Amino acid sequence: MRKDSELQSDIDRMQNVKAVLNNPEYQKAFLILKAHVITEFEKLNYSKVDDMQEANRQLKTLDRLESHFNRILNDGKVAKDTLAKKLKQLVGK
């Protein structure tokens, strides 16, 4: 079982990530960046394999960033639920 301090750390991280993801400037920047990469990818000549691979790497990096943030959000939700259950057990005793 994880320590309460570790669970609280996950909750704090979740709240920080939520603040970033809910920030309109971040949302706008992320969408613009992703759209730019996709647009550049669509313009590429298929014979330019290196450029296509670079665009693909950039898209994968953006996807990894999204996955990382989602993992933090999920960990925070699990930690919050775990702490809530612990509190119910303490109160119920």
N, C-alpha and C. Protein backbone atom coordinates (compact mmCIF):
# COMPACT_ATOMS: atom_id res chain seq x y z
N MET A 1 0.86 -1.19 0.00
CA MET A 1 0.00 0.00 0.00
C MET A 1 0.90 1.24 0.00
N ARG A 2 0.53 2.21 -0.78
CA ARG A 2 1.31 3.44 -0.88
C ARG A 2 1.04 4.35 0.31
N LYS A 3 2.05 5.12 0.65
CA LYS A 3 1.94 6.06 1.77
C LYS A 3 1.00 7.21 1.40
N ASP A 4 0.39 7.77 2.43
CA ASP A 4 -0.51 8.92 2.21
C ASP A 4 0.22 10.07 1.53
N SER A 5 1.48 10.29 1.90
CA SER A 5 2.25 11.40 1.29
C SER A 5 2.47 11.17 -0.20
N GLU A 6 2.66 9.92 -0.60
CA GLU A 6 2.81 9.60 -2.02
C GLU A 6 1.50 9.82 -2.76
N LEU A 7 0.41 9.41 -2.13
CA LEU A 7 -0.90 9.62 -2.73
C LEU A 7 -1.19 11.11 -2.88
N GLN A 8 -0.85 11.88 -1.84
CA GLN A 8 -1.08 13.33 -1.90
C GLN A 8 -0.23 13.96 -3.00
N SER A 9 0.97 13.44 -3.18
CA SER A 9 1.84 13.94 -4.25
C SER A 9 1.20 13.71 -5.62
N ASP A 10 0.60 12.53 -5.81
CA ASP A 10 -0.10 12.25 -7.07
C ASP A 10 -1.28 13.20 -7.26
N ILE A 11 -1.99 13.49 -6.19
CA ILE A 11 -3.13 14.41 -6.27
C ILE A 11 -2.65 15.82 -6.62
N ASP A 12 -1.56 16.24 -6.01
CA ASP A 12 -0.99 17.56 -6.31
C ASP A 12 -0.56 17.65 -7.78
N ARG A 13 0.09 16.60 -8.25
CA ARG A 13 0.52 16.57 -9.66
C ARG A 13 -0.70 16.64 -10.57
N MET A 14 -1.76 15.90 -10.22
CA MET A 14 -2.98 15.90 -11.02
C MET A 14 -3.55 17.32 -11.10
N GLN A 15 -3.59 18.01 -9.97
CA GLN A 15 -4.14 19.36 -9.96
C GLN A 15 -3.29 20.31 -10.81
N ASN A 16 -1.96 20.13 -10.77
CA ASN A 16 -1.09 20.96 -11.60
C ASN A 16 -1.32 20.70 -13.09
N VAL A 17 -1.45 19.43 -13.44
CA VAL A 17 -1.69 19.08 -14.84
C VAL A 17 -3.05 19.60 -15.30
N LYS A 18 -4.06 19.48 -14.43
CA LYS A 18 -5.38 20.01 -14.79
C LYS A 18 -5.29 21.50 -15.08
N ALA A 19 -4.52 22.22 -14.26
CA ALA A 19 -4.38 23.66 -14.47
C ALA A 19 -3.75 23.95 -15.83
N VAL A 20 -2.76 23.15 -16.21
CA VAL A 20 -2.11 23.34 -17.51
C VAL A 20 -3.09 23.00 -18.64
N LEU A 21 -3.71 21.84 -18.55
CA LEU A 21 -4.60 21.38 -19.63
C LEU A 21 -5.82 22.27 -19.79
N ASN A 22 -6.26 22.89 -18.71
CA ASN A 22 -7.42 23.77 -18.78
C ASN A 22 -7.06 25.20 -19.17
N ASN A 23 -5.79 25.47 -19.29
CA ASN A 23 -5.33 26.80 -19.66
C ASN A 23 -5.59 27.02 -21.16
N PRO A 24 -6.39 28.02 -21.52
CA PRO A 24 -6.71 28.24 -22.94
C PRO A 24 -5.48 28.49 -23.81
N GLU A 25 -4.45 29.13 -23.25
CA GLU A 25 -3.24 29.38 -24.04
C GLU A 25 -2.50 28.08 -24.35
N TYR A 26 -2.47 27.18 -23.36
CA TYR A 26 -1.84 25.87 -23.60
C TYR A 26 -2.64 25.11 -24.66
N GLN A 27 -3.96 25.08 -24.52
CA GLN A 27 -4.80 24.36 -25.47
C GLN A 27 -4.59 24.89 -26.88
N LYS A 28 -4.57 26.20 -26.99
CA LYS A 28 -4.38 26.83 -28.31
C LYS A 28 -3.00 26.49 -28.88
N ALA A 29 -1.97 26.60 -28.06
CA ALA A 29 -0.61 26.32 -28.51
C ALA A 29 -0.46 24.87 -28.94
N PHE A 30 -1.03 23.96 -28.17
CA PHE A 30 -0.93 22.53 -28.50
C PHE A 30 -1.62 22.23 -29.82
N LEU A 31 -2.82 22.78 -30.01
CA LEU A 31 -3.55 22.55 -31.25
C LEU A 31 -2.83 23.15 -32.45
N ILE A 32 -2.30 24.34 -32.28
CA ILE A 32 -1.57 25.00 -33.37
C ILE A 32 -0.34 24.19 -33.74
N LEU A 33 0.39 23.73 -32.73
CA LEU A 33 1.60 22.94 -32.98
C LEU A 33 1.27 21.64 -33.71
N LYS A 34 0.26 20.95 -33.23
CA LYS A 34 -0.13 19.68 -33.86
C LYS A 34 -0.61 19.91 -35.29
N ALA A 35 -1.42 20.94 -35.48
CA ALA A 35 -1.92 21.26 -36.83
C ALA A 35 -0.77 21.62 -37.76
N HIS A 36 0.20 22.35 -37.24
CA HIS A 36 1.36 22.74 -38.06
C HIS A 36 2.13 21.50 -38.51
N VAL A 37 2.38 20.59 -37.60
CA VAL A 37 3.12 19.37 -37.96
C VAL A 37 2.34 18.56 -38.99
N ILE A 38 1.05 18.42 -38.79
CA ILE A 38 0.22 17.66 -39.74
C ILE A 38 0.20 18.34 -41.11
N THR A 39 0.07 19.66 -41.12
CA THR A 39 0.06 20.40 -42.38
C THR A 39 1.38 20.23 -43.12
N GLU A 40 2.48 20.34 -42.39
CA GLU A 40 3.80 20.17 -43.01
C GLU A 40 3.98 18.75 -43.53
N PHE A 41 3.47 17.78 -42.78
CA PHE A 41 3.55 16.38 -43.19
C PHE A 41 2.79 16.17 -44.50
N GLU A 42 1.61 16.76 -44.59
CA GLU A 42 0.79 16.61 -45.80
C GLU A 42 1.44 17.23 -47.03
N LYS A 43 2.26 18.25 -46.82
CA LYS A 43 2.93 18.94 -47.94
C LYS A 43 4.17 18.21 -48.44
N LEU A 44 4.65 17.25 -47.64
CA LEU A 44 5.92 16.61 -47.98
C LEU A 44 5.84 15.79 -49.26
N ASN A 45 6.94 15.82 -49.95
CA ASN A 45 7.12 14.97 -51.10
C ASN A 45 7.47 13.58 -50.56
N TYR A 46 6.79 12.58 -51.04
CA TYR A 46 6.98 11.23 -50.50
C TYR A 46 8.40 10.70 -50.68
N SER A 47 9.17 11.32 -51.54
CA SER A 47 10.56 10.88 -51.73
C SER A 47 11.47 11.40 -50.61
N LYS A 48 10.99 12.35 -49.83
CA LYS A 48 11.80 12.90 -48.73
C LYS A 48 11.52 12.12 -47.45
N VAL A 49 12.10 10.95 -47.39
CA VAL A 49 11.86 10.03 -46.29
C VAL A 49 12.30 10.62 -44.96
N ASP A 50 13.44 11.28 -44.93
CA ASP A 50 13.94 11.86 -43.68
C ASP A 50 12.97 12.89 -43.12
N ASP A 51 12.43 13.72 -43.98
CA ASP A 51 11.48 14.74 -43.54
C ASP A 51 10.19 14.09 -43.03
N MET A 52 9.76 13.05 -43.70
CA MET A 52 8.55 12.34 -43.28
C MET A 52 8.77 11.68 -41.92
N GLN A 53 9.94 11.10 -41.73
CA GLN A 53 10.26 10.46 -40.45
C GLN A 53 10.32 11.50 -39.33
N GLU A 54 10.85 12.66 -39.63
CA GLU A 54 10.92 13.73 -38.62
C GLU A 54 9.52 14.21 -38.24
N ALA A 55 8.66 14.39 -39.22
CA ALA A 55 7.28 14.80 -38.92
C ALA A 55 6.59 13.73 -38.08
N ASN A 56 6.83 12.48 -38.42
CA ASN A 56 6.25 11.38 -37.66
C ASN A 56 6.76 11.39 -36.22
N ARG A 57 8.05 11.64 -36.02
CA ARG A 57 8.62 11.72 -34.67
C ARG A 57 7.98 12.85 -33.88
N GLN A 58 7.77 13.98 -34.53
CA GLN A 58 7.16 15.11 -33.85
C GLN A 58 5.74 14.78 -33.40
N LEU A 59 4.97 14.14 -34.27
CA LEU A 59 3.61 13.75 -33.90
C LEU A 59 3.61 12.75 -32.75
N LYS A 60 4.53 11.80 -32.79
CA LYS A 60 4.64 10.82 -31.71
C LYS A 60 5.01 11.49 -30.40
N THR A 61 5.87 12.49 -30.46
CA THR A 61 6.26 13.22 -29.25
C THR A 61 5.06 13.94 -28.65
N LEU A 62 4.25 14.56 -29.49
CA LEU A 62 3.05 15.23 -29.00
C LEU A 62 2.07 14.22 -28.39
N ASP A 63 1.94 13.06 -29.03
CA ASP A 63 1.07 12.01 -28.49
C ASP A 63 1.59 11.50 -27.15
N ARG A 64 2.90 11.37 -27.03
CA ARG A 64 3.49 10.92 -25.75
C ARG A 64 3.24 11.94 -24.65
N LEU A 65 3.33 13.21 -24.99
CA LEU A 65 3.06 14.26 -24.02
C LEU A 65 1.62 14.16 -23.52
N GLU A 66 0.70 14.00 -24.45
CA GLU A 66 -0.72 13.84 -24.08
C GLU A 66 -0.92 12.60 -23.20
N SER A 67 -0.28 11.50 -23.58
CA SER A 67 -0.40 10.26 -22.79
C SER A 67 0.17 10.44 -21.39
N HIS A 68 1.28 11.14 -21.30
CA HIS A 68 1.90 11.39 -20.00
C HIS A 68 0.96 12.20 -19.10
N PHE A 69 0.40 13.25 -19.65
CA PHE A 69 -0.54 14.07 -18.86
C PHE A 69 -1.76 13.24 -18.45
N ASN A 70 -2.28 12.42 -19.35
CA ASN A 70 -3.43 11.59 -19.02
C ASN A 70 -3.10 10.57 -17.93
N ARG A 71 -1.87 10.04 -17.96
CA ARG A 71 -1.45 9.10 -16.93
C ARG A 71 -1.39 9.80 -15.56
N ILE A 72 -0.89 11.02 -15.54
CA ILE A 72 -0.83 11.79 -14.29
C ILE A 72 -2.24 12.04 -13.77
N LEU A 73 -3.16 12.40 -14.67
CA LEU A 73 -4.54 12.63 -14.27
C LEU A 73 -5.15 11.36 -13.69
N ASN A 74 -4.91 10.24 -14.34
CA ASN A 74 -5.45 8.97 -13.86
C ASN A 74 -4.84 8.59 -12.50
N ASP A 75 -3.54 8.74 -12.36
CA ASP A 75 -2.88 8.42 -11.09
C ASP A 75 -3.45 9.28 -9.96
N GLY A 76 -3.71 10.55 -10.26
CA GLY A 76 -4.28 11.45 -9.26
C GLY A 76 -5.68 11.04 -8.85
N LYS A 77 -6.47 10.60 -9.83
CA LYS A 77 -7.84 10.15 -9.52
C LYS A 77 -7.80 8.90 -8.63
N VAL A 78 -6.91 7.97 -8.96
CA VAL A 78 -6.77 6.75 -8.16
C VAL A 78 -6.32 7.10 -6.75
N ALA A 79 -5.36 8.00 -6.65
CA ALA A 79 -4.86 8.41 -5.33
C ALA A 79 -5.96 9.08 -4.52
N LYS A 80 -6.74 9.91 -5.16
CA LYS A 80 -7.84 10.60 -4.48
C LYS A 80 -8.87 9.59 -3.96
N ASP A 81 -9.20 8.61 -4.79
CA ASP A 81 -10.15 7.57 -4.38
C ASP A 81 -9.58 6.74 -3.22
N THR A 82 -8.31 6.43 -3.29
CA THR A 82 -7.66 5.64 -2.24
C THR A 82 -7.68 6.39 -0.92
N LEU A 83 -7.34 7.67 -0.95
CA LEU A 83 -7.37 8.46 0.28
C LEU A 83 -8.79 8.59 0.83
N ALA A 84 -9.76 8.72 -0.05
CA ALA A 84 -11.16 8.82 0.39
C ALA A 84 -11.59 7.52 1.07
N LYS A 85 -11.19 6.38 0.53
CA LYS A 85 -11.52 5.09 1.14
C LYS A 85 -10.85 4.96 2.51
N LYS A 86 -9.59 5.38 2.59
CA LYS A 86 -8.89 5.32 3.88
C LYS A 86 -9.60 6.19 4.92
N LEU A 87 -10.05 7.36 4.49
CA LEU A 87 -10.74 8.27 5.41
C LEU A 87 -12.05 7.64 5.89
N LYS A 88 -12.79 7.01 4.97
CA LYS A 88 -14.05 6.34 5.36
C LYS A 88 -13.77 5.24 6.38
N GLN A 89 -12.70 4.50 6.17
CA GLN A 89 -12.35 3.42 7.10
C GLN A 89 -12.02 3.99 8.47
N LEU A 90 -11.30 5.10 8.50
CA LEU A 90 -10.94 5.72 9.77
C LEU A 90 -12.16 6.26 10.50
N VAL A 91 -13.04 6.89 9.75
CA VAL A 91 -14.24 7.47 10.34
C VAL A 91 -15.19 6.37 10.81
N GLY A 92 -15.24 5.26 10.06
CA GLY A 92 -16.13 4.17 10.38
C GLY A 92 -15.70 3.37 11.62
N LYS A 93 -14.46 3.54 12.05
CA LYS A 93 -13.97 2.78 13.21
C LYS A 93 -14.43 3.35 14.51
